[in-house]
Amino acid sequence: MPEIRLTPEELRYIALFQDVTGAVVKDCIIDNENGMIIFVVRKGDMGAAIGKGGSNIKKLRKVFGKDIEIIEDGSSIEELAKNSVAPARVRGVKVIEGPNKKVVYISVEPNDKGIAIGKNGKNVTRAKLVLKRYYDVTNVVIV
């Protein structure tokens, strides 16, 4: 796993997120291109991070003025890939490595393909950013 260095801006976002939610944040990725902030939370902290009826997310969206995305941490590339497309039901994850590339294929239930991809491909983008940061993945494909 690569060493992740957080910027002062990311550290501020993490501190505020943890104050509001009580969840432990492992990482924060600011995606200015897509107007979202992705938080990777400790396993088991997803409920606290979201809040009752999504209250924490709504509150943080207002404060940050950006879309808030939360992914539960995973101990392997497969687990993190699975968590990155939640709540889609994942059938399996396959990692194919070639020269200078690593592609993750996430197989989901046919009815959940839209959930896994997300509106305008938002969830796939989220998965790509997180998996690139941790495992140097070059592409994520939902099948």
Protein backbone atom coordinates (compact mmCIF):
# COMPACT_ATOMS: atom_id res chain seq x y z
CA MET A 1 0.00 0.00 0.00
CA PRO A 2 1.39 3.40 -0.92
CA GLU A 3 2.05 6.01 1.70
CA ILE A 4 -0.74 8.56 1.61
CA ARG A 5 0.07 12.17 2.36
CA LEU A 6 -2.83 14.37 3.26
CA THR A 7 -2.94 18.05 2.37
CA PRO A 8 -3.83 20.65 5.03
CA GLU A 9 -7.20 21.05 3.26
CA GLU A 10 -7.90 17.30 3.46
CA LEU A 11 -6.90 17.29 7.14
CA ARG A 12 -9.37 20.12 7.83
CA TYR A 13 -12.15 18.22 6.05
CA ILE A 14 -11.33 15.07 8.05
CA ALA A 15 -11.37 16.94 11.38
CA LEU A 16 -14.73 18.53 10.62
CA PHE A 17 -16.19 15.25 9.30
CA GLN A 18 -15.12 13.41 12.47
CA ASP A 19 -16.51 16.18 14.71
CA VAL A 20 -19.90 16.06 12.98
CA THR A 21 -20.21 12.27 12.61
CA GLY A 22 -18.10 10.65 15.32
CA ALA A 23 -16.85 8.23 12.65
CA VAL A 24 -13.11 7.60 12.25
CA VAL A 25 -11.82 8.72 8.86
CA LYS A 26 -8.91 6.80 7.31
CA ASP A 27 -8.58 8.99 4.21
CA CYS A 28 -10.03 11.92 2.33
CA ILE A 29 -9.85 12.49 -1.42
CA ILE A 30 -10.88 15.84 -2.84
CA ASP A 31 -12.18 15.48 -6.41
CA ASN A 32 -12.59 19.06 -7.60
CA GLU A 33 -13.22 17.90 -11.17
CA ASN A 34 -16.45 16.19 -10.14
CA GLY A 35 -17.24 18.44 -7.16
CA MET A 36 -17.05 15.72 -4.54
CA ILE A 37 -15.14 14.81 -1.43
CA ILE A 38 -14.63 11.10 -0.77
CA PHE A 39 -14.12 9.95 2.81
CA VAL A 40 -12.84 6.45 3.58
CA VAL A 41 -14.14 5.50 7.04
CA ARG A 42 -13.06 2.77 9.42
CA LYS A 43 -14.83 -0.58 9.09
CA GLY A 44 -18.07 -0.50 11.06
CA ASP A 45 -18.33 3.32 11.08
CA MET A 46 -20.54 3.65 8.00
CA GLY A 47 -23.78 4.10 9.97
CA ALA A 48 -22.31 6.82 12.19
CA ALA A 49 -20.81 8.55 9.15
CA ILE A 50 -24.14 8.67 7.28
CA GLY A 51 -26.27 9.54 10.31
CA LYS A 52 -29.96 8.88 10.85
CA GLY A 53 -31.76 9.36 7.55
CA GLY A 54 -28.54 10.71 5.99
CA SER A 55 -28.53 13.71 8.35
CA ASN A 56 -24.74 13.90 8.62
CA ILE A 57 -24.27 13.81 4.87
CA LYS A 58 -26.85 16.57 4.34
CA LYS A 59 -25.20 18.72 7.02
CA LEU A 60 -21.71 18.21 5.56
CA ARG A 61 -22.87 18.91 1.99
CA LYS A 62 -24.05 22.33 3.16
CA VAL A 63 -20.84 23.05 5.07
CA PHE A 64 -18.45 21.91 2.33
CA GLY A 65 -20.58 22.98 -0.63
CA LYS A 66 -19.67 19.73 -2.39
CA ASP A 67 -21.09 16.27 -2.77
CA ILE A 68 -20.02 13.94 0.05
CA GLU A 69 -19.18 10.32 -0.73
CA ILE A 70 -18.39 7.75 1.94
CA ILE A 71 -16.71 4.38 1.45
CA GLU A 72 -16.04 1.84 4.17
CA ASP A 73 -12.39 0.80 4.36
CA GLY A 74 -11.39 -2.62 3.08
CA SER A 75 -8.40 -4.79 3.93
CA SER A 76 -7.87 -6.00 0.34
CA ILE A 77 -8.28 -4.65 -3.18
CA GLU A 78 -11.34 -6.89 -3.61
CA GLU A 79 -12.99 -5.72 -0.39
CA LEU A 80 -12.30 -2.05 -1.12
CA ALA A 81 -13.64 -2.48 -4.68
CA LYS A 82 -16.79 -4.10 -3.27
CA ASN A 83 -17.26 -1.31 -0.70
CA SER A 84 -16.69 1.39 -3.31
CA VAL A 85 -19.83 0.40 -5.27
CA ALA A 86 -22.04 -0.26 -2.24
CA PRO A 87 -24.99 -0.63 -1.87
CA ALA A 88 -24.86 -2.57 -5.17
CA ARG A 89 -24.77 -6.33 -4.55
CA VAL A 90 -21.40 -7.58 -5.78
CA ARG A 91 -21.08 -11.08 -7.22
CA GLY A 92 -17.32 -10.97 -7.53
CA VAL A 93 -14.20 -8.90 -8.10
CA LYS A 94 -11.46 -9.80 -10.55
CA VAL A 95 -8.13 -8.02 -10.85
CA ILE A 96 -6.27 -8.30 -14.15
CA GLU A 97 -2.71 -7.04 -14.28
CA GLY A 98 -0.82 -6.35 -17.46
CA PRO A 99 2.25 -4.35 -18.35
CA ASN A 100 1.76 -0.86 -16.90
CA LYS A 101 -1.90 -1.44 -16.08
CA LYS A 102 -4.16 -2.96 -13.47
CA VAL A 103 -7.88 -3.28 -14.20
CA VAL A 104 -10.51 -4.20 -11.63
CA TYR A 105 -13.67 -5.89 -12.91
CA ILE A 106 -16.55 -5.68 -10.46
CA SER A 107 -19.37 -8.10 -11.25
CA VAL A 108 -22.70 -6.99 -9.77
CA GLU A 109 -26.24 -8.34 -9.74
CA PRO A 110 -27.89 -7.34 -13.07
CA ASN A 111 -30.56 -5.27 -11.26
CA ASP A 112 -27.82 -3.34 -9.41
CA LYS A 113 -25.75 -2.29 -12.41
CA GLY A 114 -27.24 1.23 -12.38
CA ILE A 115 -26.51 1.57 -8.66
CA ALA A 116 -22.91 0.44 -9.16
CA ILE A 117 -22.29 2.86 -12.04
CA GLY A 118 -24.20 5.75 -10.47
CA LYS A 119 -25.67 8.87 -12.02
CA ASN A 120 -23.35 10.08 -14.79
CA GLY A 121 -20.86 7.37 -13.76
CA LYS A 122 -20.26 9.00 -10.35
CA ASN A 123 -19.86 5.73 -8.44
CA VAL A 124 -17.41 4.28 -10.96
CA THR A 125 -15.39 7.50 -10.77
CA ARG A 126 -15.36 7.23 -6.97
CA ALA A 127 -14.19 3.60 -7.17
CA LYS A 128 -11.45 4.51 -9.69
CA LEU A 129 -10.10 7.34 -7.52
CA VAL A 130 -9.98 5.24 -4.35
CA LEU A 131 -8.56 2.12 -5.98
CA LYS A 132 -5.94 4.14 -7.89
CA ARG A 133 -4.81 5.80 -4.67
CA TYR A 134 -4.45 2.55 -2.73
CA TYR A 135 -3.62 -0.08 -5.35
CA ASP A 136 -2.50 1.87 -8.43
CA VAL A 137 -5.49 0.62 -10.43
CA THR A 138 -5.70 2.10 -13.93
CA ASN A 139 -9.36 1.30 -14.61
CA VAL A 140 -12.55 -0.05 -13.02
CA VAL A 141 -15.13 -1.89 -15.10
CA ILE A 142 -18.61 -2.80 -13.89
CA VAL A 143 -19.88 -6.05 -15.44
